[in-house]
Each structure stands twice: as C-alpha cells, then as structure tokens.
Amino acid sequence: YSVQYGRYLASYQDRIIVYGNRQYKNTVFISEEGTPYYFALNNAFEFDHEVIHVQVFKNIIMVFTINDIWVIYQVEETSVDEFGVQTITISFRYKKILYNISCEEKNKTSIKNLTRYVTLISNNVLYLVKPSNYINDETEFTLTILSQNVDAIVRNPLPFINERLKYH
C-alpha cells in the first residue's frame, strides 16, 4: 500500500526506488534485486524528516531530506556454514552524512550528478557535494559553496543574461 502511492521513482542497479508517499513522507522503499515489483520490509528506510529527493550517485543512493543528506549503501556479508559452504548476503545500511543542509521541494530539480559531484541549491546558495579527499570511503562527502545568491539567476535568468550581454 505504501509503495503503491509513492509519487517518485528512481532506478538503482536492478532495483526500483519509491518515495514521496503522502502518508509515509519520511520513508524510502527499495525493491528486491531483479524483482522490481517486490519490496521487502527490510529494504524500507525511515528517516527523521521528510524525504525531498533521492539521487543515485556511483554505487550509493543519496537521500535529501528537508534538514540533512543521507546515504544508503550496500554491504556484503560473508558467512560459512558447518559444511564449508560460503554464503554472501547483500544488505543495505544508511547513515547521515551532512547535517543541517536544508532542501526544499522547489529546489529538487537542482540536485544533479555533475561528473564526480552532485549539485544542490539550498537557502539561495549553490553547493557542490563531493566525495571526501581525506577519507577513503565512498559514503563520506564534503560540501563546497560554488556561488551565493543564485536563486534569482536560476528562477529568472534573462535579466542576468541581458545585463552581461550589454558589454559584448
């Protein structure tokens, strides 16, 4: 029921991601691998605030809530039974990576993959979310300010362009 009324879809490897249910605003649902119509309960992730956008970046899933940025990532666990048979289980974990970065529905379209980075407009500032240079972990990110006061330019670019063209 909760998956059926999700407003947004994304794809991740051989899975479907559903979010945006009006009743379960804080939840992201991920289908089973190779079975896009089956959503197991262990692949439902509840966050502390409303989910605004989900962006697949490399091998992880970035989740933008109204207050923070999270990642959902895969973990492989290997076990050996008493007969020596090795079993590899793939499961998901999630963690908060950047705190107090607000994201609004109106800026949802600014969240884009840009080669090795992700862009985001938050509170009239254009940010670049990039993997950490200091920690060798694909789930660690840093935030860099690219430009401030960009909202007017993004919402109505013609005055900005015309002003710049006056000098050429």
N, C-alpha and C. Protein backbone atom coordinates (compact mmCIF):
# COMPACT_ATOMS: atom_id res chain seq x y z
N TYR A 1 0.82 -1.20 0.00
CA TYR A 1 0.00 0.00 0.00
C TYR A 1 0.86 1.26 0.00
N SER A 2 1.86 1.30 0.86
CA SER A 2 2.69 2.49 0.96
C SER A 2 3.53 2.69 -0.29
N VAL A 3 3.93 1.62 -0.97
CA VAL A 3 4.70 1.73 -2.21
C VAL A 3 3.79 2.17 -3.35
N GLN A 4 2.58 1.68 -3.36
CA GLN A 4 1.64 1.96 -4.43
C GLN A 4 1.38 3.46 -4.60
N TYR A 5 1.42 4.21 -3.51
CA TYR A 5 1.10 5.63 -3.57
C TYR A 5 2.33 6.52 -3.52
N GLY A 6 3.49 5.98 -3.81
CA GLY A 6 4.69 6.80 -3.92
C GLY A 6 4.60 7.70 -5.15
N ARG A 7 5.05 8.93 -5.03
CA ARG A 7 4.96 9.88 -6.14
C ARG A 7 6.19 9.89 -7.03
N TYR A 8 7.32 9.39 -6.53
CA TYR A 8 8.57 9.46 -7.29
C TYR A 8 9.23 8.09 -7.39
N LEU A 9 9.88 7.86 -8.52
CA LEU A 9 10.63 6.62 -8.78
C LEU A 9 12.05 6.96 -9.18
N ALA A 10 12.94 6.07 -8.84
CA ALA A 10 14.33 6.14 -9.30
C ALA A 10 14.78 4.71 -9.52
N SER A 11 15.82 4.53 -10.32
CA SER A 11 16.35 3.18 -10.52
C SER A 11 17.75 3.11 -9.94
N TYR A 12 18.06 1.96 -9.39
CA TYR A 12 19.37 1.71 -8.79
C TYR A 12 19.77 0.28 -9.14
N GLN A 13 20.79 0.16 -9.98
CA GLN A 13 21.23 -1.13 -10.46
C GLN A 13 20.03 -1.89 -11.02
N ASP A 14 19.64 -3.00 -10.45
CA ASP A 14 18.50 -3.75 -10.97
C ASP A 14 17.32 -3.66 -10.00
N ARG A 15 17.14 -2.47 -9.41
CA ARG A 15 16.10 -2.25 -8.41
C ARG A 15 15.34 -0.96 -8.71
N ILE A 16 14.18 -0.82 -8.10
CA ILE A 16 13.38 0.39 -8.18
C ILE A 16 13.33 1.03 -6.79
N ILE A 17 13.46 2.34 -6.75
CA ILE A 17 13.36 3.11 -5.51
C ILE A 17 12.07 3.92 -5.59
N VAL A 18 11.25 3.85 -4.55
CA VAL A 18 10.00 4.58 -4.49
C VAL A 18 10.01 5.46 -3.25
N TYR A 19 9.60 6.71 -3.42
CA TYR A 19 9.49 7.63 -2.28
C TYR A 19 8.44 8.68 -2.61
N GLY A 20 8.12 9.50 -1.62
CA GLY A 20 7.15 10.56 -1.84
C GLY A 20 5.71 10.19 -1.50
N ASN A 21 5.52 9.11 -0.74
CA ASN A 21 4.17 8.76 -0.30
C ASN A 21 3.70 9.83 0.68
N ARG A 22 2.49 10.34 0.48
CA ARG A 22 1.99 11.43 1.34
C ARG A 22 1.80 11.01 2.79
N GLN A 23 1.55 9.73 3.02
CA GLN A 23 1.36 9.25 4.38
C GLN A 23 2.70 8.86 5.02
N TYR A 24 3.64 8.35 4.23
CA TYR A 24 4.95 7.94 4.72
C TYR A 24 6.02 8.83 4.09
N LYS A 25 5.98 10.12 4.41
CA LYS A 25 6.87 11.11 3.79
C LYS A 25 8.34 10.88 4.13
N ASN A 26 8.61 10.21 5.22
CA ASN A 26 9.99 10.03 5.69
C ASN A 26 10.60 8.72 5.23
N THR A 27 9.93 7.98 4.36
CA THR A 27 10.35 6.61 4.04
C THR A 27 10.74 6.46 2.58
N VAL A 28 11.82 5.68 2.36
CA VAL A 28 12.28 5.29 1.03
C VAL A 28 12.17 3.78 0.95
N PHE A 29 11.58 3.28 -0.14
CA PHE A 29 11.39 1.85 -0.34
C PHE A 29 12.27 1.40 -1.52
N ILE A 30 12.99 0.30 -1.34
CA ILE A 30 13.85 -0.24 -2.39
C ILE A 30 13.39 -1.65 -2.70
N SER A 31 13.21 -1.95 -3.98
CA SER A 31 12.75 -3.29 -4.37
C SER A 31 13.87 -4.30 -4.25
N GLU A 32 13.51 -5.55 -4.33
CA GLU A 32 14.50 -6.63 -4.35
C GLU A 32 15.23 -6.62 -5.69
N GLU A 33 16.46 -7.08 -5.69
CA GLU A 33 17.25 -7.10 -6.91
C GLU A 33 16.63 -8.04 -7.94
N GLY A 34 16.45 -7.53 -9.15
CA GLY A 34 15.87 -8.33 -10.22
C GLY A 34 14.38 -8.52 -10.13
N THR A 35 13.76 -7.98 -9.09
CA THR A 35 12.32 -8.11 -8.89
C THR A 35 11.76 -6.73 -8.56
N PRO A 36 11.58 -5.89 -9.56
CA PRO A 36 11.18 -4.50 -9.29
C PRO A 36 9.77 -4.35 -8.72
N TYR A 37 9.00 -5.40 -8.68
CA TYR A 37 7.64 -5.32 -8.15
C TYR A 37 7.53 -5.83 -6.72
N TYR A 38 8.65 -6.31 -6.13
CA TYR A 38 8.61 -6.84 -4.76
C TYR A 38 9.46 -5.97 -3.84
N PHE A 39 8.84 -5.43 -2.81
CA PHE A 39 9.51 -4.56 -1.85
C PHE A 39 9.47 -5.22 -0.47
N ALA A 40 10.60 -5.75 -0.04
CA ALA A 40 10.69 -6.40 1.26
C ALA A 40 10.74 -5.33 2.36
N LEU A 41 10.26 -5.68 3.54
CA LEU A 41 10.25 -4.73 4.65
C LEU A 41 11.66 -4.33 5.08
N ASN A 42 12.64 -5.24 4.92
CA ASN A 42 14.00 -4.88 5.34
C ASN A 42 14.66 -3.88 4.39
N ASN A 43 13.99 -3.56 3.27
CA ASN A 43 14.50 -2.55 2.35
C ASN A 43 13.66 -1.27 2.38
N ALA A 44 13.01 -1.02 3.50
CA ALA A 44 12.30 0.24 3.73
C ALA A 44 13.09 1.03 4.76
N PHE A 45 13.43 2.25 4.42
CA PHE A 45 14.28 3.07 5.29
C PHE A 45 13.53 4.31 5.72
N GLU A 46 13.40 4.49 7.03
CA GLU A 46 12.68 5.63 7.58
C GLU A 46 13.69 6.65 8.10
N PHE A 47 13.50 7.90 7.69
CA PHE A 47 14.41 8.98 8.08
C PHE A 47 13.71 9.89 9.08
N ASP A 48 14.49 10.77 9.70
CA ASP A 48 13.93 11.62 10.75
C ASP A 48 13.15 12.82 10.23
N HIS A 49 13.24 13.10 8.91
CA HIS A 49 12.49 14.20 8.31
C HIS A 49 11.97 13.78 6.94
N GLU A 50 11.12 14.60 6.38
CA GLU A 50 10.53 14.31 5.08
C GLU A 50 11.59 14.19 3.99
N VAL A 51 11.46 13.16 3.15
CA VAL A 51 12.38 12.94 2.03
C VAL A 51 11.94 13.82 0.87
N ILE A 52 12.86 14.65 0.38
CA ILE A 52 12.57 15.54 -0.74
C ILE A 52 13.02 14.91 -2.06
N HIS A 53 14.19 14.28 -2.05
CA HIS A 53 14.73 13.75 -3.31
C HIS A 53 15.67 12.58 -3.03
N VAL A 54 15.72 11.65 -3.99
CA VAL A 54 16.67 10.53 -3.95
C VAL A 54 17.49 10.61 -5.22
N GLN A 55 18.80 10.59 -5.08
CA GLN A 55 19.72 10.69 -6.21
C GLN A 55 20.71 9.53 -6.16
N VAL A 56 20.78 8.76 -7.23
CA VAL A 56 21.77 7.69 -7.31
C VAL A 56 23.09 8.32 -7.75
N PHE A 57 24.14 8.07 -6.99
CA PHE A 57 25.46 8.61 -7.28
C PHE A 57 26.48 7.48 -7.15
N LYS A 58 27.07 7.10 -8.27
CA LYS A 58 28.01 5.98 -8.33
C LYS A 58 27.33 4.73 -7.77
N ASN A 59 27.87 4.15 -6.68
CA ASN A 59 27.32 2.91 -6.13
C ASN A 59 26.45 3.13 -4.90
N ILE A 60 26.08 4.37 -4.64
CA ILE A 60 25.28 4.65 -3.44
C ILE A 60 24.02 5.41 -3.81
N ILE A 61 23.13 5.51 -2.85
CA ILE A 61 21.89 6.25 -3.00
C ILE A 61 21.94 7.42 -2.02
N MET A 62 21.86 8.63 -2.55
CA MET A 62 21.84 9.82 -1.70
C MET A 62 20.39 10.22 -1.45
N VAL A 63 20.07 10.47 -0.20
CA VAL A 63 18.71 10.84 0.19
C VAL A 63 18.75 12.24 0.78
N PHE A 64 18.01 13.15 0.17
CA PHE A 64 17.96 14.53 0.61
C PHE A 64 16.66 14.74 1.38
N THR A 65 16.77 15.02 2.67
CA THR A 65 15.59 15.32 3.48
C THR A 65 15.50 16.83 3.65
N ILE A 66 14.48 17.30 4.32
CA ILE A 66 14.34 18.75 4.48
C ILE A 66 15.44 19.34 5.35
N ASN A 67 16.17 18.52 6.12
CA ASN A 67 17.21 19.05 7.01
C ASN A 67 18.60 18.47 6.80
N ASP A 68 18.73 17.30 6.20
CA ASP A 68 20.02 16.63 6.14
C ASP A 68 20.18 15.86 4.83
N ILE A 69 21.40 15.37 4.62
CA ILE A 69 21.66 14.48 3.49
C ILE A 69 22.14 13.15 4.06
N TRP A 70 21.55 12.08 3.57
CA TRP A 70 21.86 10.71 4.00
C TRP A 70 22.38 9.91 2.81
N VAL A 71 23.00 8.78 3.09
CA VAL A 71 23.34 7.82 2.05
C VAL A 71 22.82 6.44 2.44
N ILE A 72 22.39 5.70 1.43
CA ILE A 72 22.05 4.29 1.60
C ILE A 72 23.08 3.54 0.76
N TYR A 73 23.72 2.57 1.35
CA TYR A 73 24.80 1.86 0.66
C TYR A 73 24.70 0.37 0.93
N GLN A 74 25.28 -0.40 0.01
CA GLN A 74 25.24 -1.87 0.13
C GLN A 74 26.43 -2.38 0.95
N VAL A 75 26.16 -3.44 1.70
CA VAL A 75 27.20 -4.12 2.47
C VAL A 75 27.11 -5.60 2.15
N GLU A 76 28.26 -6.19 1.84
CA GLU A 76 28.31 -7.64 1.60
C GLU A 76 28.81 -8.33 2.87
N GLU A 77 28.06 -9.32 3.30
CA GLU A 77 28.45 -10.10 4.48
C GLU A 77 28.64 -11.54 4.06
N THR A 78 29.77 -12.11 4.42
CA THR A 78 30.10 -13.48 4.05
C THR A 78 30.00 -14.37 5.29
N SER A 79 29.33 -15.50 5.12
CA SER A 79 29.24 -16.47 6.21
C SER A 79 29.54 -17.86 5.66
N VAL A 80 30.06 -18.71 6.52
CA VAL A 80 30.37 -20.10 6.15
C VAL A 80 29.62 -21.01 7.11
N ASP A 81 28.86 -21.96 6.56
CA ASP A 81 28.11 -22.87 7.43
C ASP A 81 28.99 -24.05 7.85
N GLU A 82 28.41 -24.99 8.59
CA GLU A 82 29.19 -26.12 9.13
C GLU A 82 29.70 -27.06 8.05
N PHE A 83 29.16 -26.98 6.82
CA PHE A 83 29.62 -27.83 5.73
C PHE A 83 30.66 -27.13 4.86
N GLY A 84 31.02 -25.90 5.24
CA GLY A 84 32.02 -25.16 4.48
C GLY A 84 31.45 -24.40 3.29
N VAL A 85 30.14 -24.32 3.21
CA VAL A 85 29.51 -23.59 2.10
C VAL A 85 29.50 -22.09 2.44
N GLN A 86 30.06 -21.33 1.54
CA GLN A 86 30.15 -19.89 1.74
C GLN A 86 28.91 -19.20 1.15
N THR A 87 28.32 -18.32 1.94
CA THR A 87 27.15 -17.58 1.50
C THR A 87 27.44 -16.09 1.61
N ILE A 88 27.14 -15.36 0.54
CA ILE A 88 27.31 -13.91 0.54
C ILE A 88 25.93 -13.26 0.56
N THR A 89 25.70 -12.45 1.56
CA THR A 89 24.43 -11.75 1.71
C THR A 89 24.66 -10.26 1.49
N ILE A 90 23.85 -9.68 0.63
CA ILE A 90 23.94 -8.25 0.38
C ILE A 90 22.78 -7.57 1.09
N SER A 91 23.11 -6.60 1.92
CA SER A 91 22.08 -5.84 2.63
C SER A 91 22.40 -4.35 2.53
N PHE A 92 21.48 -3.55 2.95
CA PHE A 92 21.65 -2.10 2.89
C PHE A 92 21.82 -1.53 4.29
N ARG A 93 22.62 -0.49 4.36
CA ARG A 93 22.78 0.31 5.59
C ARG A 93 22.54 1.76 5.20
N TYR A 94 22.25 2.59 6.16
CA TYR A 94 22.11 4.01 5.87
C TYR A 94 22.67 4.83 7.01
N LYS A 95 23.15 6.03 6.64
CA LYS A 95 23.71 6.93 7.65
C LYS A 95 23.61 8.37 7.17
N LYS A 96 23.59 9.27 8.13
CA LYS A 96 23.54 10.69 7.85
C LYS A 96 24.96 11.15 7.55
N ILE A 97 25.13 11.88 6.44
CA ILE A 97 26.48 12.30 6.05
C ILE A 97 26.71 13.80 6.16
N LEU A 98 25.67 14.60 5.92
CA LEU A 98 25.80 16.05 6.03
C LEU A 98 24.61 16.58 6.81
N TYR A 99 24.91 17.33 7.86
CA TYR A 99 23.88 17.81 8.78
C TYR A 99 23.47 19.25 8.45
N ASN A 100 22.21 19.56 8.73
CA ASN A 100 21.68 20.92 8.64
C ASN A 100 21.85 21.55 7.25
N ILE A 101 21.63 20.77 6.22
CA ILE A 101 21.59 21.27 4.85
C ILE A 101 20.14 21.14 4.40
N SER A 102 19.44 22.25 4.37
CA SER A 102 18.02 22.17 4.05
C SER A 102 17.81 21.96 2.56
N CYS A 103 16.75 21.27 2.26
CA CYS A 103 16.37 21.00 0.88
C CYS A 103 14.87 21.21 0.78
N GLU A 104 14.47 21.99 -0.21
CA GLU A 104 13.05 22.27 -0.38
C GLU A 104 12.57 21.66 -1.69
N GLU A 105 11.27 21.43 -1.76
CA GLU A 105 10.68 20.85 -2.96
C GLU A 105 10.96 21.72 -4.19
N LYS A 106 10.97 23.04 -4.02
CA LYS A 106 11.20 23.93 -5.16
C LYS A 106 12.63 23.81 -5.72
N ASN A 107 13.57 23.33 -4.91
CA ASN A 107 14.95 23.18 -5.37
C ASN A 107 15.30 21.75 -5.75
N LYS A 108 14.31 20.89 -5.79
CA LYS A 108 14.52 19.47 -6.10
C LYS A 108 15.23 19.30 -7.45
N THR A 109 14.89 20.14 -8.43
CA THR A 109 15.49 19.99 -9.76
C THR A 109 16.95 20.42 -9.80
N SER A 110 17.44 21.08 -8.76
CA SER A 110 18.85 21.48 -8.75
C SER A 110 19.78 20.34 -8.33
N ILE A 111 19.23 19.26 -7.85
CA ILE A 111 20.05 18.12 -7.42
C ILE A 111 20.37 17.28 -8.64
N LYS A 112 21.59 17.37 -9.09
CA LYS A 112 22.03 16.69 -10.31
C LYS A 112 23.42 16.12 -10.14
N ASN A 113 23.68 15.02 -10.84
CA ASN A 113 25.04 14.49 -10.92
C ASN A 113 25.82 15.34 -11.93
N LEU A 114 26.98 15.77 -11.54
CA LEU A 114 27.86 16.54 -12.40
C LEU A 114 29.23 15.88 -12.35
N THR A 115 29.45 14.96 -13.28
CA THR A 115 30.65 14.10 -13.32
C THR A 115 30.87 13.44 -11.97
N ARG A 116 31.86 13.91 -11.20
CA ARG A 116 32.19 13.27 -9.92
C ARG A 116 31.53 13.94 -8.73
N TYR A 117 30.57 14.83 -8.98
CA TYR A 117 29.97 15.62 -7.92
C TYR A 117 28.44 15.63 -8.04
N VAL A 118 27.80 16.19 -7.02
CA VAL A 118 26.36 16.39 -7.03
C VAL A 118 26.11 17.86 -6.69
N THR A 119 25.26 18.53 -7.46
CA THR A 119 24.93 19.93 -7.18
C THR A 119 23.64 20.01 -6.39
N LEU A 120 23.50 21.10 -5.65
CA LEU A 120 22.32 21.31 -4.81
C LEU A 120 22.18 22.80 -4.52
N ILE A 121 20.98 23.34 -4.66
CA ILE A 121 20.70 24.70 -4.22
C ILE A 121 19.94 24.62 -2.90
N SER A 122 20.47 25.31 -1.91
CA SER A 122 19.87 25.33 -0.58
C SER A 122 20.01 26.73 0.00
N ASN A 123 18.91 27.34 0.40
CA ASN A 123 18.91 28.67 1.00
C ASN A 123 19.65 29.70 0.15
N ASN A 124 19.36 29.68 -1.16
CA ASN A 124 19.91 30.65 -2.09
C ASN A 124 21.42 30.48 -2.33
N VAL A 125 21.95 29.31 -2.01
CA VAL A 125 23.37 29.02 -2.20
C VAL A 125 23.50 27.77 -3.06
N LEU A 126 24.39 27.81 -4.05
CA LEU A 126 24.67 26.65 -4.89
C LEU A 126 25.83 25.88 -4.28
N TYR A 127 25.57 24.63 -3.91
CA TYR A 127 26.58 23.78 -3.28
C TYR A 127 27.05 22.69 -4.24
N LEU A 128 28.25 22.24 -3.99
CA LEU A 128 28.80 21.08 -4.67
C LEU A 128 29.06 20.03 -3.59
N VAL A 129 28.38 18.90 -3.70
CA VAL A 129 28.59 17.79 -2.77
C VAL A 129 29.59 16.87 -3.44
N LYS A 130 30.73 16.64 -2.78
CA LYS A 130 31.76 15.84 -3.43
C LYS A 130 32.34 14.82 -2.44
N PRO A 131 32.83 13.71 -2.99
CA PRO A 131 33.44 12.69 -2.12
C PRO A 131 34.62 13.27 -1.35
N SER A 132 34.80 12.80 -0.15
CA SER A 132 35.87 13.28 0.71
C SER A 132 37.24 12.92 0.13
N ASN A 133 38.15 13.87 0.18
CA ASN A 133 39.52 13.63 -0.27
C ASN A 133 40.37 12.98 0.82
N TYR A 134 39.91 13.06 2.05
CA TYR A 134 40.71 12.62 3.18
C TYR A 134 40.34 11.25 3.72
N ILE A 135 39.11 10.82 3.47
CA ILE A 135 38.65 9.53 3.98
C ILE A 135 38.36 8.64 2.79
N ASN A 136 38.97 7.47 2.77
CA ASN A 136 38.78 6.54 1.65
C ASN A 136 37.54 5.70 1.88
N ASP A 137 36.39 6.34 1.75
CA ASP A 137 35.10 5.69 1.95
C ASP A 137 34.11 6.36 1.01
N GLU A 138 33.46 5.59 0.17
CA GLU A 138 32.54 6.18 -0.82
C GLU A 138 31.30 6.79 -0.20
N THR A 139 31.10 6.62 1.10
CA THR A 139 29.93 7.19 1.76
C THR A 139 30.26 8.47 2.53
N GLU A 140 31.47 8.98 2.42
CA GLU A 140 31.86 10.22 3.10
C GLU A 140 31.95 11.35 2.08
N PHE A 141 31.31 12.47 2.39
CA PHE A 141 31.23 13.59 1.47
C PHE A 141 31.57 14.90 2.16
N THR A 142 31.95 15.89 1.36
CA THR A 142 32.15 17.24 1.85
C THR A 142 31.27 18.18 1.04
N LEU A 143 31.09 19.36 1.56
CA LEU A 143 30.22 20.35 0.94
C LEU A 143 31.05 21.59 0.62
N THR A 144 30.95 22.07 -0.62
CA THR A 144 31.67 23.26 -1.05
C THR A 144 30.67 24.26 -1.62
N ILE A 145 30.82 25.52 -1.26
CA ILE A 145 29.96 26.56 -1.80
C ILE A 145 30.51 26.98 -3.16
N LEU A 146 29.66 26.90 -4.19
CA LEU A 146 30.06 27.35 -5.52
C LEU A 146 29.68 28.80 -5.76
N SER A 147 28.48 29.18 -5.31
CA SER A 147 28.01 30.54 -5.54
C SER A 147 26.89 30.86 -4.57
N GLN A 148 26.83 32.13 -4.18
CA GLN A 148 25.76 32.57 -3.30
C GLN A 148 24.79 33.46 -4.07
N ASN A 149 23.61 33.64 -3.52
CA ASN A 149 22.56 34.46 -4.13
C ASN A 149 22.25 34.02 -5.55
N VAL A 150 22.06 32.74 -5.75
CA VAL A 150 21.80 32.20 -7.08
C VAL A 150 20.32 32.03 -7.39
N ASP A 151 19.48 32.20 -6.41
CA ASP A 151 18.06 31.93 -6.62
C ASP A 151 17.47 32.81 -7.72
N ALA A 152 17.78 34.09 -7.72
CA ALA A 152 17.24 34.99 -8.74
C ALA A 152 17.74 34.62 -10.13
N ILE A 153 18.98 34.21 -10.24
CA ILE A 153 19.55 33.82 -11.53
C ILE A 153 18.90 32.55 -12.04
N VAL A 154 18.70 31.59 -11.16
CA VAL A 154 18.13 30.31 -11.56
C VAL A 154 16.65 30.45 -11.92
N ARG A 155 15.90 31.22 -11.14
CA ARG A 155 14.47 31.35 -11.36
C ARG A 155 14.13 32.21 -12.58
N ASN A 156 14.95 33.26 -12.82
CA ASN A 156 14.68 34.16 -13.93
C ASN A 156 16.03 34.59 -14.55
N PRO A 157 16.60 33.80 -15.42
CA PRO A 157 17.95 34.08 -15.92
C PRO A 157 18.04 35.19 -16.97
N LEU A 158 16.93 35.57 -17.61
CA LEU A 158 17.00 36.55 -18.70
C LEU A 158 17.57 37.91 -18.29
N PRO A 159 17.15 38.52 -17.19
CA PRO A 159 17.78 39.80 -16.81
C PRO A 159 19.29 39.67 -16.58
N PHE A 160 19.70 38.59 -15.99
CA PHE A 160 21.13 38.36 -15.75
C PHE A 160 21.88 38.23 -17.07
N ILE A 161 21.34 37.46 -18.00
CA ILE A 161 21.98 37.27 -19.30
C ILE A 161 22.02 38.57 -20.08
N ASN A 162 20.90 39.30 -20.10
CA ASN A 162 20.86 40.58 -20.82
C ASN A 162 21.83 41.59 -20.26
N GLU A 163 21.96 41.63 -18.96
CA GLU A 163 22.91 42.55 -18.33
C GLU A 163 24.34 42.23 -18.76
N ARG A 164 24.68 40.95 -18.82
CA ARG A 164 26.03 40.55 -19.23
C ARG A 164 26.26 40.80 -20.72
N LEU A 165 25.21 40.66 -21.54
CA LEU A 165 25.35 40.85 -22.98
C LEU A 165 25.51 42.32 -23.37
N LYS A 166 25.13 43.24 -22.49
CA LYS A 166 25.30 44.66 -22.78
C LYS A 166 26.76 45.03 -23.03
N TYR A 167 27.65 44.29 -22.43
CA TYR A 167 29.06 44.62 -22.51
C TYR A 167 29.77 43.92 -23.66
N HIS A 168 29.06 43.16 -24.46
CA HIS A 168 29.68 42.43 -25.58
C HIS A 168 29.13 42.86 -26.90
